[in-house]
Amino acid sequence: MPIITEAQLNSEIKSGNFSRIYFFYGEESFLVKTYAVKIKNKLLGDAAVDINLLELSGNPDLNMLSEHSASLPFFAEHKVILINDFSPEKLPEGDFEFFESILKNIPDTTVMVFYLTGCGFSLRSARVKKLFEIIKKYSAVCEFKPLNKMKIGDIILRKVNKQKRLISPTNAEYIAEITSCDLNLASVETTKLCCYVEEGKEITREIIDVMIAKRLETRIFTLSDAMIAGNKKEAFKILGELSAQRVDPIPILAALSTVYSDYYTAKAAKSVGIPPQQVSADFGYTGTKASFAARKYNQAAKMELNSLRNTVNIIFEADVKLKSSTVNRQLLLEETVLKIMECGKTVSAKY
């Protein structure tokens, strides 16, 4: 069976022309789960759901899975088997042949959906590569990659309109930005905003700022974007906002340390040809962290390893001073940000 796109998957669901097996994975776990549920709802509706639905988590007993997949639905056209967080890496190599026979012999009356929301897998292992080739052979495989703020903004806009509220495209994208382009979190916050605002009324920027707490992780990533771009005005504006919110400089510096360590990792991976998806899988990044990791990977192309090493050293020295002396913490943080930006100037000038 082919690797399919989200558009092709939507077409199958609307037409009712389903594949027998689906394998959903990717960094956008919200969509992974959403489409698994869509398939279940489309096939079963309200007809004897408890009897014709089997939901499993982790790697199931293969004998039990074989028995259930081969059994016929009860007073319905299909039975559905949902398997959340099946781990290819945890399937013993000796079970490959049996697992393949189960996939190969699923009857037309059964639709099996593997969907990964809390675990990933690494294709660097020869054993996992072999198993994934088996999965691709029999499953309609769909990878859900991270969405940018424009796409998430469009989803938010449609959700708000469906709830008979109003929001501008700019503010919809703003929600995406301050929720770290995490679709699950953006959806929860949008629901909260729709409950707060009356039907027919507009969700304004002021309401968003009151109702949604800006996450430190997001603010630090925005700060690092400004620093890499050499935008001192924006960088110090963000530092000022964090100071006004009484955020201690120590966690800010710690978050910057994590960001630049990830840049260093991304640059090292890129230099030897390791793709961003592999980096996320190897370090166990999912959801927002995976989205950030992919962006850092692209940004790291404009950096040099020596510059990143120097930056990490600058942050380390500042961390020691913050924790072991009576210096003005805010002033030291600002000086550190300035040093990091000066350190990166020579790199930026080349691009």
C-alpha atoms as a PDB file:
ATOM      1  CA  MET A   1       0.000   0.000   0.000  1.00  0.00           C
ATOM      2  CA  PRO A   2       1.236   3.531  -0.650  1.00  0.00           C
ATOM      3  CA  ILE A   3       2.443   6.303   1.595  1.00  0.00           C
ATOM      4  CA  ILE A   4      -0.473   8.749   1.539  1.00  0.00           C
ATOM      5  CA  THR A   5      -0.900  12.443   2.225  1.00  0.00           C
ATOM      6  CA  GLU A   6      -3.372  14.008   4.628  1.00  0.00           C
ATOM      7  CA  ALA A   7      -5.454  15.137   1.636  1.00  0.00           C
ATOM      8  CA  GLN A   8      -5.634  11.567   0.310  1.00  0.00           C
ATOM      9  CA  LEU A   9      -6.571  10.313   3.764  1.00  0.00           C
ATOM     10  CA  ASN A  10      -9.388  12.849   3.984  1.00  0.00           C
ATOM     11  CA  SER A  11     -10.614  11.693   0.583  1.00  0.00           C
ATOM     12  CA  GLU A  12     -10.712   8.056   1.740  1.00  0.00           C
ATOM     13  CA  ILE A  13     -12.638   8.947   4.874  1.00  0.00           C
ATOM     14  CA  LYS A  14     -15.206  11.031   2.956  1.00  0.00           C
ATOM     15  CA  SER A  15     -15.700   8.383   0.270  1.00  0.00           C
ATOM     16  CA  GLY A  16     -15.779   5.463   2.697  1.00  0.00           C
ATOM     17  CA  ASN A  17     -13.244   3.631   0.519  1.00  0.00           C
ATOM     18  CA  PHE A  18     -10.951   2.562   3.368  1.00  0.00           C
ATOM     19  CA  SER A  19      -7.681   0.687   3.379  1.00  0.00           C
ATOM     20  CA  ARG A  20      -7.605  -2.330   5.661  1.00  0.00           C
ATOM     21  CA  ILE A  21      -4.628  -1.050   7.661  1.00  0.00           C
ATOM     22  CA  TYR A  22      -3.377   2.448   8.537  1.00  0.00           C
ATOM     23  CA  PHE A  23      -0.170   3.516  10.220  1.00  0.00           C
ATOM     24  CA  PHE A  24      -0.168   7.111  11.496  1.00  0.00           C
ATOM     25  CA  TYR A  25       2.893   8.748  13.030  1.00  0.00           C
ATOM     26  CA  GLY A  26       4.700  12.068  13.130  1.00  0.00           C
ATOM     27  CA  GLU A  27       5.438  15.092  15.259  1.00  0.00           C
ATOM     28  CA  GLU A  28       1.889  16.498  15.104  1.00  0.00           C
ATOM     29  CA  SER A  29       0.373  14.015  17.547  1.00  0.00           C
ATOM     30  CA  PHE A  30      -2.923  15.921  17.722  1.00  0.00           C
ATOM     31  CA  LEU A  31      -3.636  15.134  14.061  1.00  0.00           C
ATOM     32  CA  VAL A  32      -2.401  11.549  14.468  1.00  0.00           C
ATOM     33  CA  LYS A  33      -5.077  10.895  17.094  1.00  0.00           C
ATOM     34  CA  THR A  34      -7.715  13.010  15.340  1.00  0.00           C
ATOM     35  CA  TYR A  35      -7.590  10.888  12.185  1.00  0.00           C
ATOM     36  CA  ALA A  36      -7.631   7.613  14.107  1.00  0.00           C
ATOM     37  CA  VAL A  37     -10.837   8.773  15.807  1.00  0.00           C
ATOM     38  CA  LYS A  38     -12.290  10.015  12.491  1.00  0.00           C
ATOM     39  CA  ILE A  39     -11.884   6.565  10.961  1.00  0.00           C
ATOM     40  CA  LYS A  40     -13.494   4.904  13.967  1.00  0.00           C
ATOM     41  CA  ASN A  41     -16.455   7.295  13.922  1.00  0.00           C
ATOM     42  CA  LYS A  42     -16.963   7.008  10.169  1.00  0.00           C
ATOM     43  CA  LEU A  43     -16.940   3.209  10.192  1.00  0.00           C
ATOM     44  CA  LEU A  44     -18.869   2.497  13.370  1.00  0.00           C
ATOM     45  CA  GLY A  45     -20.990   5.526  14.153  1.00  0.00           C
ATOM     46  CA  ASP A  46     -23.284   4.452  16.992  1.00  0.00           C
ATOM     47  CA  ALA A  47     -23.836   0.911  15.755  1.00  0.00           C
ATOM     48  CA  ALA A  48     -22.715  -1.665  18.339  1.00  0.00           C
ATOM     49  CA  VAL A  49     -19.491   0.248  19.001  1.00  0.00           C
ATOM     50  CA  ASP A  50     -18.529  -1.718  22.105  1.00  0.00           C
ATOM     51  CA  ILE A  51     -18.792  -5.024  20.266  1.00  0.00           C
ATOM     52  CA  ASN A  52     -17.051  -3.999  17.044  1.00  0.00           C
ATOM     53  CA  LEU A  53     -14.310  -1.811  18.496  1.00  0.00           C
ATOM     54  CA  LEU A  54     -11.090  -3.032  20.073  1.00  0.00           C
ATOM     55  CA  GLU A  55      -8.734  -0.405  21.529  1.00  0.00           C
ATOM     56  CA  LEU A  56      -5.221  -1.420  22.550  1.00  0.00           C
ATOM     57  CA  SER A  57      -2.171   0.407  23.858  1.00  0.00           C
ATOM     58  CA  GLY A  58       1.447  -0.560  23.341  1.00  0.00           C
ATOM     59  CA  ASN A  59       2.531  -3.775  21.665  1.00  0.00           C
ATOM     60  CA  PRO A  60      -0.349  -6.289  21.875  1.00  0.00           C
ATOM     61  CA  ASP A  61      -0.114 -10.040  22.211  1.00  0.00           C
ATOM     62  CA  LEU A  62       0.107 -11.178  18.593  1.00  0.00           C
ATOM     63  CA  ASN A  63      -2.016 -14.292  19.105  1.00  0.00           C
ATOM     64  CA  MET A  64      -4.821 -12.168  20.536  1.00  0.00           C
ATOM     65  CA  LEU A  65      -4.413  -9.604  17.747  1.00  0.00           C
ATOM     66  CA  SER A  66      -4.580 -12.319  15.094  1.00  0.00           C
ATOM     67  CA  GLU A  67      -7.762 -13.758  16.602  1.00  0.00           C
ATOM     68  CA  HIS A  68      -9.550 -10.410  16.851  1.00  0.00           C
ATOM     69  CA  SER A  69      -8.518  -9.190  13.402  1.00  0.00           C
ATOM     70  CA  ALA A  70      -9.872 -12.351  11.769  1.00  0.00           C
ATOM     71  CA  SER A  71     -13.228 -12.358  13.583  1.00  0.00           C
ATOM     72  CA  LEU A  72     -16.333 -10.957  11.884  1.00  0.00           C
ATOM     73  CA  PRO A  73     -18.184  -7.782  12.934  1.00  0.00           C
ATOM     74  CA  PHE A  74     -21.472  -8.062  14.813  1.00  0.00           C
ATOM     75  CA  PHE A  75     -24.489  -6.505  13.059  1.00  0.00           C
ATOM     76  CA  ALA A  76     -22.208  -4.069  11.222  1.00  0.00           C
ATOM     77  CA  GLU A  77     -20.152  -3.938   8.048  1.00  0.00           C
ATOM     78  CA  HIS A  78     -16.817  -3.434   9.799  1.00  0.00           C
ATOM     79  CA  LYS A  79     -14.966  -3.913  13.025  1.00  0.00           C
ATOM     80  CA  VAL A  80     -12.204  -1.480  13.999  1.00  0.00           C
ATOM     81  CA  ILE A  81      -8.990  -2.166  15.893  1.00  0.00           C
ATOM     82  CA  LEU A  82      -7.140   0.917  17.224  1.00  0.00           C
ATOM     83  CA  ILE A  83      -3.583   0.358  18.477  1.00  0.00           C
ATOM     84  CA  ASN A  84      -1.989   3.356  20.179  1.00  0.00           C
ATOM     85  CA  ASP A  85       1.798   3.647  20.514  1.00  0.00           C
ATOM     86  CA  PHE A  86       2.781   0.363  18.925  1.00  0.00           C
ATOM     87  CA  SER A  87       6.590   0.419  19.102  1.00  0.00           C
ATOM     88  CA  PRO A  88       8.399  -1.154  16.141  1.00  0.00           C
ATOM     89  CA  GLU A  89      11.595  -1.213  18.204  1.00  0.00           C
ATOM     90  CA  LYS A  90      10.001  -3.377  20.898  1.00  0.00           C
ATOM     91  CA  LEU A  91       8.742  -6.124  18.584  1.00  0.00           C
ATOM     92  CA  PRO A  92      11.072  -9.142  18.927  1.00  0.00           C
ATOM     93  CA  GLU A  93      12.805  -9.979  15.672  1.00  0.00           C
ATOM     94  CA  GLY A  94      11.492 -13.524  15.882  1.00  0.00           C
ATOM     95  CA  ASP A  95       7.909 -12.201  15.673  1.00  0.00           C
ATOM     96  CA  PHE A  96       8.388 -10.350  12.378  1.00  0.00           C
ATOM     97  CA  GLU A  97       7.060 -13.205  10.266  1.00  0.00           C
ATOM     98  CA  PHE A  98       3.979 -13.728  12.429  1.00  0.00           C
ATOM     99  CA  PHE A  99       3.289  -9.976  12.526  1.00  0.00           C
ATOM    100  CA  GLU A 100       3.533  -9.809   8.732  1.00  0.00           C
ATOM    101  CA  SER A 101       1.119 -12.733   8.342  1.00  0.00           C
ATOM    102  CA  ILE A 102      -1.443 -10.899  10.533  1.00  0.00           C
ATOM    103  CA  LEU A 103      -1.213  -7.767   8.361  1.00  0.00           C
ATOM    104  CA  LYS A 104      -1.313  -9.794   5.171  1.00  0.00           C
ATOM    105  CA  ASN A 105      -4.439 -11.748   6.134  1.00  0.00           C
ATOM    106  CA  ILE A 106      -6.708  -9.063   7.604  1.00  0.00           C
ATOM    107  CA  PRO A 107     -10.183  -9.528   6.063  1.00  0.00           C
ATOM    108  CA  ASP A 108     -12.055  -6.775   4.227  1.00  0.00           C
ATOM    109  CA  THR A 109     -14.409  -6.446   7.206  1.00  0.00           C
ATOM    110  CA  THR A 110     -11.644  -5.294   9.578  1.00  0.00           C
ATOM    111  CA  VAL A 111      -9.867  -1.933   9.620  1.00  0.00           C
ATOM    112  CA  MET A 112      -6.786  -1.757  11.833  1.00  0.00           C
ATOM    113  CA  VAL A 113      -5.247   1.598  12.769  1.00  0.00           C
ATOM    114  CA  PHE A 114      -1.820   1.956  14.351  1.00  0.00           C
ATOM    115  CA  TYR A 115      -1.350   5.501  15.648  1.00  0.00           C
ATOM    116  CA  LEU A 116       1.644   6.852  17.534  1.00  0.00           C
ATOM    117  CA  THR A 117       1.050   9.768  19.908  1.00  0.00           C
ATOM    118  CA  GLY A 118       3.475   9.170  22.746  1.00  0.00           C
ATOM    119  CA  CYS A 119       6.372   7.334  21.155  1.00  0.00           C
ATOM    120  CA  GLY A 120       8.494   7.534  18.038  1.00  0.00           C
ATOM    121  CA  PHE A 121      10.943   5.218  16.356  1.00  0.00           C
ATOM    122  CA  SER A 122      14.392   5.414  14.832  1.00  0.00           C
ATOM    123  CA  LEU A 123      15.080   4.108  11.339  1.00  0.00           C
ATOM    124  CA  ARG A 124      18.810   3.915  12.079  1.00  0.00           C
ATOM    125  CA  SER A 125      18.335   0.383  13.377  1.00  0.00           C
ATOM    126  CA  ALA A 126      18.450  -2.247  10.624  1.00  0.00           C
ATOM    127  CA  ARG A 127      15.814  -4.279  12.495  1.00  0.00           C
ATOM    128  CA  VAL A 128      13.428  -1.338  12.656  1.00  0.00           C
ATOM    129  CA  LYS A 129      14.022  -0.512   8.990  1.00  0.00           C
ATOM    130  CA  LYS A 130      13.065  -4.076   8.101  1.00  0.00           C
ATOM    131  CA  LEU A 131       9.882  -3.936  10.190  1.00  0.00           C
ATOM    132  CA  PHE A 132       8.908  -0.529   8.796  1.00  0.00           C
ATOM    133  CA  GLU A 133       9.228  -1.902   5.273  1.00  0.00           C
ATOM    134  CA  ILE A 134       6.737  -4.622   6.264  1.00  0.00           C
ATOM    135  CA  ILE A 135       4.388  -1.988   7.688  1.00  0.00           C
ATOM    136  CA  LYS A 136       4.603   0.118   4.522  1.00  0.00           C
ATOM    137  CA  LYS A 137       3.934  -2.952   2.386  1.00  0.00           C
ATOM    138  CA  TYR A 138       0.529  -3.606   3.920  1.00  0.00           C
ATOM    139  CA  SER A 139      -0.503  -0.268   5.487  1.00  0.00           C
ATOM    140  CA  ALA A 140      -1.560   3.105   4.177  1.00  0.00           C
ATOM    141  CA  VAL A 141       1.160   5.107   5.938  1.00  0.00           C
ATOM    142  CA  CYS A 142       0.637   8.787   6.734  1.00  0.00           C
ATOM    143  CA  GLU A 143       3.182  11.016   8.487  1.00  0.00           C
ATOM    144  CA  PHE A 144       1.883  14.148  10.184  1.00  0.00           C
ATOM    145  CA  LYS A 145       4.621  16.763  10.215  1.00  0.00           C
ATOM    146  CA  PRO A 146       4.589  19.904  12.396  1.00  0.00           C
ATOM    147  CA  LEU A 147       2.363  22.678  11.126  1.00  0.00           C
ATOM    148  CA  ASN A 148       3.541  26.268  10.861  1.00  0.00           C
ATOM    149  CA  LYS A 149       1.675  29.128  12.493  1.00  0.00           C
ATOM    150  CA  MET A 150      -0.162  29.990   9.263  1.00  0.00           C
ATOM    151  CA  LYS A 151      -1.674  26.513   8.971  1.00  0.00           C
ATOM    152  CA  ILE A 152      -2.501  26.302  12.655  1.00  0.00           C
ATOM    153  CA  GLY A 153      -3.932  29.816  12.451  1.00  0.00           C
ATOM    154  CA  ASP A 154      -6.226  28.675   9.652  1.00  0.00           C
ATOM    155  CA  ILE A 155      -7.425  25.724  11.766  1.00  0.00           C
ATOM    156  CA  ILE A 156      -8.080  28.090  14.684  1.00  0.00           C
ATOM    157  CA  LEU A 157      -9.951  30.483  12.391  1.00  0.00           C
ATOM    158  CA  ARG A 158     -12.237  27.701  11.148  1.00  0.00           C
ATOM    159  CA  LYS A 159     -12.822  26.413  14.677  1.00  0.00           C
ATOM    160  CA  VAL A 160     -13.764  29.877  15.936  1.00  0.00           C
ATOM    161  CA  ASN A 161     -16.113  30.466  12.986  1.00  0.00           C
ATOM    162  CA  LYS A 162     -17.742  27.097  13.610  1.00  0.00           C
ATOM    163  CA  GLN A 163     -18.410  28.225  17.190  1.00  0.00           C
ATOM    164  CA  LYS A 164     -20.057  31.386  15.748  1.00  0.00           C
ATOM    165  CA  ARG A 165     -17.396  33.692  17.155  1.00  0.00           C
ATOM    166  CA  LEU A 166     -15.095  36.078  15.303  1.00  0.00           C
ATOM    167  CA  ILE A 167     -11.319  36.328  15.108  1.00  0.00           C
ATOM    168  CA  SER A 168      -8.919  37.963  12.665  1.00  0.00           C
ATOM    169  CA  PRO A 169      -6.366  35.814  10.767  1.00  0.00           C
ATOM    170  CA  THR A 170      -3.580  37.771  12.485  1.00  0.00           C
ATOM    171  CA  ASN A 171      -4.907  36.963  15.961  1.00  0.00           C
ATOM    172  CA  ALA A 172      -5.473  33.324  15.013  1.00  0.00           C
ATOM    173  CA  GLU A 173      -1.786  33.094  14.052  1.00  0.00           C
ATOM    174  CA  TYR A 174      -0.885  34.903  17.273  1.00  0.00           C
ATOM    175  CA  ILE A 175      -2.589  32.114  19.258  1.00  0.00           C
ATOM    176  CA  ALA A 176      -0.549  29.585  17.278  1.00  0.00           C
ATOM    177  CA  GLU A 177       2.651  31.477  18.073  1.00  0.00           C
ATOM    178  CA  ILE A 178       2.124  31.837  21.824  1.00  0.00           C
ATOM    179  CA  THR A 179       1.139  28.164  22.133  1.00  0.00           C
ATOM    180  CA  SER A 180       4.433  27.154  20.477  1.00  0.00           C
ATOM    181  CA  CYS A 181       2.649  25.905  17.337  1.00  0.00           C
ATOM    182  CA  ASP A 182       1.409  22.993  19.450  1.00  0.00           C
ATOM    183  CA  LEU A 183      -1.906  22.147  17.796  1.00  0.00           C
ATOM    184  CA  ASN A 184      -3.232  20.286  20.818  1.00  0.00           C
ATOM    185  CA  LEU A 185      -2.551  23.233  23.139  1.00  0.00           C
ATOM    186  CA  ALA A 186      -3.811  25.749  20.553  1.00  0.00           C
ATOM    187  CA  SER A 187      -7.064  23.799  20.252  1.00  0.00           C
ATOM    188  CA  VAL A 188      -7.571  23.726  24.029  1.00  0.00           C
ATOM    189  CA  GLU A 189      -6.879  27.448  24.362  1.00  0.00           C
ATOM    190  CA  THR A 190      -9.186  28.268  21.427  1.00  0.00           C
ATOM    191  CA  THR A 191     -12.006  26.303  23.058  1.00  0.00           C
ATOM    192  CA  LYS A 192     -11.418  28.257  26.269  1.00  0.00           C
ATOM    193  CA  LEU A 193     -11.561  31.571  24.379  1.00  0.00           C
ATOM    194  CA  CYS A 194     -14.799  30.576  22.620  1.00  0.00           C
ATOM    195  CA  CYS A 195     -16.360  29.784  25.993  1.00  0.00           C
ATOM    196  CA  TYR A 196     -15.256  33.167  27.342  1.00  0.00           C
ATOM    197  CA  VAL A 197     -16.506  35.252  24.394  1.00  0.00           C
ATOM    198  CA  GLU A 198     -20.225  35.453  23.645  1.00  0.00           C
ATOM    199  CA  GLU A 199     -21.636  34.183  20.359  1.00  0.00           C
ATOM    200  CA  GLY A 200     -21.216  36.740  17.592  1.00  0.00           C
ATOM    201  CA  LYS A 201     -18.468  38.624  19.465  1.00  0.00           C
ATOM    202  CA  GLU A 202     -14.796  38.941  18.506  1.00  0.00           C
ATOM    203  CA  ILE A 203     -11.801  37.332  20.192  1.00  0.00           C
ATOM    204  CA  THR A 204      -9.434  40.303  20.357  1.00  0.00           C
ATOM    205  CA  ARG A 205      -5.710  40.530  21.044  1.00  0.00           C
ATOM    206  CA  GLU A 206      -6.446  41.963  24.489  1.00  0.00           C
ATOM    207  CA  ILE A 207      -8.679  39.006  25.387  1.00  0.00           C
ATOM    208  CA  ILE A 208      -6.054  36.557  24.144  1.00  0.00           C
ATOM    209  CA  ASP A 209      -3.343  38.161  26.278  1.00  0.00           C
ATOM    210  CA  VAL A 210      -5.562  38.019  29.366  1.00  0.00           C
ATOM    211  CA  MET A 211      -6.747  34.438  28.846  1.00  0.00           C
ATOM    212  CA  ILE A 212      -3.608  32.694  27.564  1.00  0.00           C
ATOM    213  CA  ALA A 213      -0.405  32.623  29.555  1.00  0.00           C
ATOM    214  CA  LYS A 214       2.626  33.033  27.331  1.00  0.00           C
ATOM    215  CA  ARG A 215       4.897  30.043  27.860  1.00  0.00           C
ATOM    216  CA  LEU A 216       8.508  30.750  28.831  1.00  0.00           C
ATOM    217  CA  GLU A 217       9.718  28.184  26.302  1.00  0.00           C
ATOM    218  CA  THR A 218       7.993  30.092  23.493  1.00  0.00           C
ATOM    219  CA  ARG A 219       9.321  33.465  24.640  1.00  0.00           C
ATOM    220  CA  ILE A 220      12.880  32.140  24.853  1.00  0.00           C
ATOM    221  CA  PHE A 221      12.650  30.655  21.368  1.00  0.00           C
ATOM    222  CA  THR A 222      11.374  34.024  20.069  1.00  0.00           C
ATOM    223  CA  LEU A 223      14.256  35.691  21.937  1.00  0.00           C
ATOM    224  CA  SER A 224      16.789  33.362  20.311  1.00  0.00           C
ATOM    225  CA  ASP A 225      15.260  34.107  16.885  1.00  0.00           C
ATOM    226  CA  ALA A 226      15.846  37.824  17.487  1.00  0.00           C
ATOM    227  CA  MET A 227      19.380  37.174  18.725  1.00  0.00           C
ATOM    228  CA  ILE A 228      20.295  35.092  15.672  1.00  0.00           C
ATOM    229  CA  ALA A 229      18.853  37.768  13.379  1.00  0.00           C
ATOM    230  CA  GLY A 230      20.955  40.405  15.176  1.00  0.00           C
ATOM    231  CA  ASN A 231      17.794  42.282  16.150  1.00  0.00           C
ATOM    232  CA  LYS A 232      18.935  43.903  19.407  1.00  0.00           C
ATOM    233  CA  LYS A 233      15.804  46.020  19.721  1.00  0.00           C
ATOM    234  CA  GLU A 234      13.495  42.989  19.658  1.00  0.00           C
ATOM    235  CA  ALA A 235      15.778  40.910  21.894  1.00  0.00           C
ATOM    236  CA  PHE A 236      15.927  43.543  24.621  1.00  0.00           C
ATOM    237  CA  LYS A 237      12.214  44.222  24.288  1.00  0.00           C
ATOM    238  CA  ILE A 238      11.537  40.567  25.134  1.00  0.00           C
ATOM    239  CA  LEU A 239      14.009  40.695  28.023  1.00  0.00           C
ATOM    240  CA  GLY A 240      12.189  43.779  29.307  1.00  0.00           C
ATOM    241  CA  GLU A 241       8.820  42.018  29.106  1.00  0.00           C
ATOM    242  CA  LEU A 242      10.167  39.008  31.009  1.00  0.00           C
ATOM    243  CA  SER A 243      11.651  41.311  33.635  1.00  0.00           C
ATOM    244  CA  ALA A 244       8.318  43.149  33.982  1.00  0.00           C
ATOM    245  CA  GLN A 245       6.652  39.769  34.544  1.00  0.00           C
ATOM    246  CA  ARG A 246       9.236  39.138  37.303  1.00  0.00           C
ATOM    247  CA  VAL A 247      10.680  36.060  35.631  1.00  0.00           C
ATOM    248  CA  ASP A 248      13.934  35.180  37.386  1.00  0.00           C
ATOM    249  CA  PRO A 249      17.043  35.472  35.122  1.00  0.00           C
ATOM    250  CA  ILE A 250      18.255  32.000  36.166  1.00  0.00           C
ATOM    251  CA  PRO A 251      15.466  30.010  34.401  1.00  0.00           C
ATOM    252  CA  ILE A 252      15.759  32.372  31.415  1.00  0.00           C
ATOM    253  CA  LEU A 253      19.466  31.604  31.122  1.00  0.00           C
ATOM    254  CA  ALA A 254      18.771  27.891  31.630  1.00  0.00           C
ATOM    255  CA  ALA A 255      16.233  27.970  28.787  1.00  0.00           C
ATOM    256  CA  LEU A 256      18.743  29.800  26.546  1.00  0.00           C
ATOM    257  CA  SER A 257      21.293  27.127  27.411  1.00  0.00           C
ATOM    258  CA  THR A 258      18.888  24.422  26.235  1.00  0.00           C
ATOM    259  CA  VAL A 259      18.129  26.308  23.011  1.00  0.00           C
ATOM    260  CA  TYR A 260      21.775  26.797  22.079  1.00  0.00           C
ATOM    261  CA  SER A 261      22.709  23.241  23.075  1.00  0.00           C
ATOM    262  CA  ASP A 262      20.018  22.085  20.662  1.00  0.00           C
ATOM    263  CA  TYR A 263      21.476  24.354  17.959  1.00  0.00           C
ATOM    264  CA  TYR A 264      24.851  22.730  18.565  1.00  0.00           C
ATOM    265  CA  THR A 265      23.304  19.248  18.294  1.00  0.00           C
ATOM    266  CA  ALA A 266      21.441  20.238  15.112  1.00  0.00           C
ATOM    267  CA  LYS A 267      24.578  21.666  13.518  1.00  0.00           C
ATOM    268  CA  ALA A 268      26.585  18.549  14.351  1.00  0.00           C
ATOM    269  CA  ALA A 269      23.812  16.324  12.932  1.00  0.00           C
ATOM    270  CA  LYS A 270      23.477  18.399   9.770  1.00  0.00           C
ATOM    271  CA  SER A 271      27.228  18.331   9.174  1.00  0.00           C
ATOM    272  CA  VAL A 272      27.151  14.509   8.911  1.00  0.00           C
ATOM    273  CA  GLY A 273      23.887  14.313   6.961  1.00  0.00           C
ATOM    274  CA  ILE A 274      21.504  13.191   9.723  1.00  0.00           C
ATOM    275  CA  PRO A 275      17.976  14.537   8.949  1.00  0.00           C
ATOM    276  CA  PRO A 276      15.877  16.471  11.507  1.00  0.00           C
ATOM    277  CA  GLN A 277      13.324  13.664  11.861  1.00  0.00           C
ATOM    278  CA  GLN A 278      16.139  11.327  12.914  1.00  0.00           C
ATOM    279  CA  VAL A 279      17.410  13.834  15.482  1.00  0.00           C
ATOM    280  CA  SER A 280      13.929  14.090  17.032  1.00  0.00           C
ATOM    281  CA  ALA A 281      13.543  10.311  17.106  1.00  0.00           C
ATOM    282  CA  ASP A 282      16.990   9.751  18.643  1.00  0.00           C
ATOM    283  CA  PHE A 283      16.444  12.310  21.407  1.00  0.00           C
ATOM    284  CA  GLY A 284      12.798  11.384  21.999  1.00  0.00           C
ATOM    285  CA  TYR A 285      11.434  14.766  20.919  1.00  0.00           C
ATOM    286  CA  THR A 286       7.672  14.837  20.357  1.00  0.00           C
ATOM    287  CA  GLY A 287       5.044  17.527  19.866  1.00  0.00           C
ATOM    288  CA  THR A 288       6.303  21.038  20.553  1.00  0.00           C
ATOM    289  CA  LYS A 289       9.880  19.959  21.237  1.00  0.00           C
ATOM    290  CA  ALA A 290      10.018  18.162  17.887  1.00  0.00           C
ATOM    291  CA  SER A 291       8.639  21.252  16.133  1.00  0.00           C
ATOM    292  CA  PHE A 292      11.252  23.458  17.778  1.00  0.00           C
ATOM    293  CA  ALA A 293      13.996  20.927  16.944  1.00  0.00           C
ATOM    294  CA  ALA A 294      13.057  20.993  13.245  1.00  0.00           C
ATOM    295  CA  ARG A 295      13.233  24.803  13.158  1.00  0.00           C
ATOM    296  CA  LYS A 296      16.572  24.826  14.994  1.00  0.00           C
ATOM    297  CA  TYR A 297      17.939  22.320  12.485  1.00  0.00           C
ATOM    298  CA  ASN A 298      17.210  24.724   9.621  1.00  0.00           C
ATOM    299  CA  GLN A 299      18.545  27.740  11.520  1.00  0.00           C
ATOM    300  CA  ALA A 300      21.733  25.863  12.407  1.00  0.00           C
ATOM    301  CA  ALA A 301      22.696  25.860   8.719  1.00  0.00           C
ATOM    302  CA  LYS A 302      23.692  29.528   9.116  1.00  0.00           C
ATOM    303  CA  MET A 303      25.864  28.899  12.159  1.00  0.00           C
ATOM    304  CA  GLU A 304      29.392  27.670  12.750  1.00  0.00           C
ATOM    305  CA  LEU A 305      30.364  25.066  15.318  1.00  0.00           C
ATOM    306  CA  ASN A 306      33.080  27.295  16.789  1.00  0.00           C
ATOM    307  CA  SER A 307      30.577  30.115  17.284  1.00  0.00           C
ATOM    308  CA  LEU A 308      28.143  27.729  18.974  1.00  0.00           C
ATOM    309  CA  ARG A 309      30.907  26.381  21.231  1.00  0.00           C
ATOM    310  CA  ASN A 310      31.800  29.915  22.264  1.00  0.00           C
ATOM    311  CA  THR A 311      28.131  30.681  22.924  1.00  0.00           C
ATOM    312  CA  VAL A 312      27.758  27.646  25.180  1.00  0.00           C
ATOM    313  CA  ASN A 313      30.869  28.756  27.097  1.00  0.00           C
ATOM    314  CA  ILE A 314      29.476  32.290  27.478  1.00  0.00           C
ATOM    315  CA  ILE A 315      26.229  30.890  28.915  1.00  0.00           C
ATOM    316  CA  PHE A 316      28.137  28.558  31.255  1.00  0.00           C
ATOM    317  CA  GLU A 317      30.272  31.396  32.640  1.00  0.00           C
ATOM    318  CA  ALA A 318      27.178  33.561  33.157  1.00  0.00           C
ATOM    319  CA  ASP A 319      25.388  30.693  34.915  1.00  0.00           C
ATOM    320  CA  VAL A 320      28.279  30.295  37.366  1.00  0.00           C
ATOM    321  CA  LYS A 321      28.253  34.042  38.142  1.00  0.00           C
ATOM    322  CA  LEU A 322      24.478  34.122  38.578  1.00  0.00           C
ATOM    323  CA  LYS A 323      24.541  31.303  41.111  1.00  0.00           C
ATOM    324  CA  SER A 324      27.731  32.133  43.015  1.00  0.00           C
ATOM    325  CA  SER A 325      27.898  35.910  43.398  1.00  0.00           C
ATOM    326  CA  THR A 326      25.797  38.912  44.345  1.00  0.00           C
ATOM    327  CA  VAL A 327      25.813  40.520  40.898  1.00  0.00           C
ATOM    328  CA  ASN A 328      22.838  42.344  39.438  1.00  0.00           C
ATOM    329  CA  ARG A 329      21.140  39.332  37.800  1.00  0.00           C
ATOM    330  CA  GLN A 330      19.140  41.278  35.236  1.00  0.00           C
ATOM    331  CA  LEU A 331      22.193  43.290  34.148  1.00  0.00           C
ATOM    332  CA  LEU A 332      24.297  40.138  33.843  1.00  0.00           C
ATOM    333  CA  LEU A 333      21.588  38.472  31.748  1.00  0.00           C
ATOM    334  CA  GLU A 334      21.448  41.460  29.390  1.00  0.00           C
ATOM    335  CA  GLU A 335      25.252  41.514  29.091  1.00  0.00           C
ATOM    336  CA  THR A 336      25.229  37.784  28.292  1.00  0.00           C
ATOM    337  CA  VAL A 337      22.615  38.208  25.563  1.00  0.00           C
ATOM    338  CA  LEU A 338      24.716  41.012  24.048  1.00  0.00           C
ATOM    339  CA  LYS A 339      27.883  38.857  24.146  1.00  0.00           C
ATOM    340  CA  ILE A 340      26.072  35.984  22.412  1.00  0.00           C
ATOM    341  CA  MET A 341      24.825  38.319  19.677  1.00  0.00           C
ATOM    342  CA  GLU A 342      28.325  39.749  19.178  1.00  0.00           C
ATOM    343  CA  CYS A 343      29.698  36.209  19.010  1.00  0.00           C
ATOM    344  CA  GLY A 344      27.281  35.346  16.215  1.00  0.00           C
ATOM    345  CA  LYS A 345      27.901  38.498  14.161  1.00  0.00           C
ATOM    346  CA  THR A 346      30.738  37.075  12.108  1.00  0.00           C
ATOM    347  CA  VAL A 347      28.608  34.089  11.120  1.00  0.00           C
ATOM    348  CA  SER A 348      25.571  36.171  10.166  1.00  0.00           C
ATOM    349  CA  ALA A 349      27.721  38.441   8.023  1.00  0.00           C
ATOM    350  CA  LYS A 350      28.592  35.542   5.750  1.00  0.00           C
ATOM    351  CA  TYR A 351      24.956  34.751   4.822  1.00  0.00           C
END
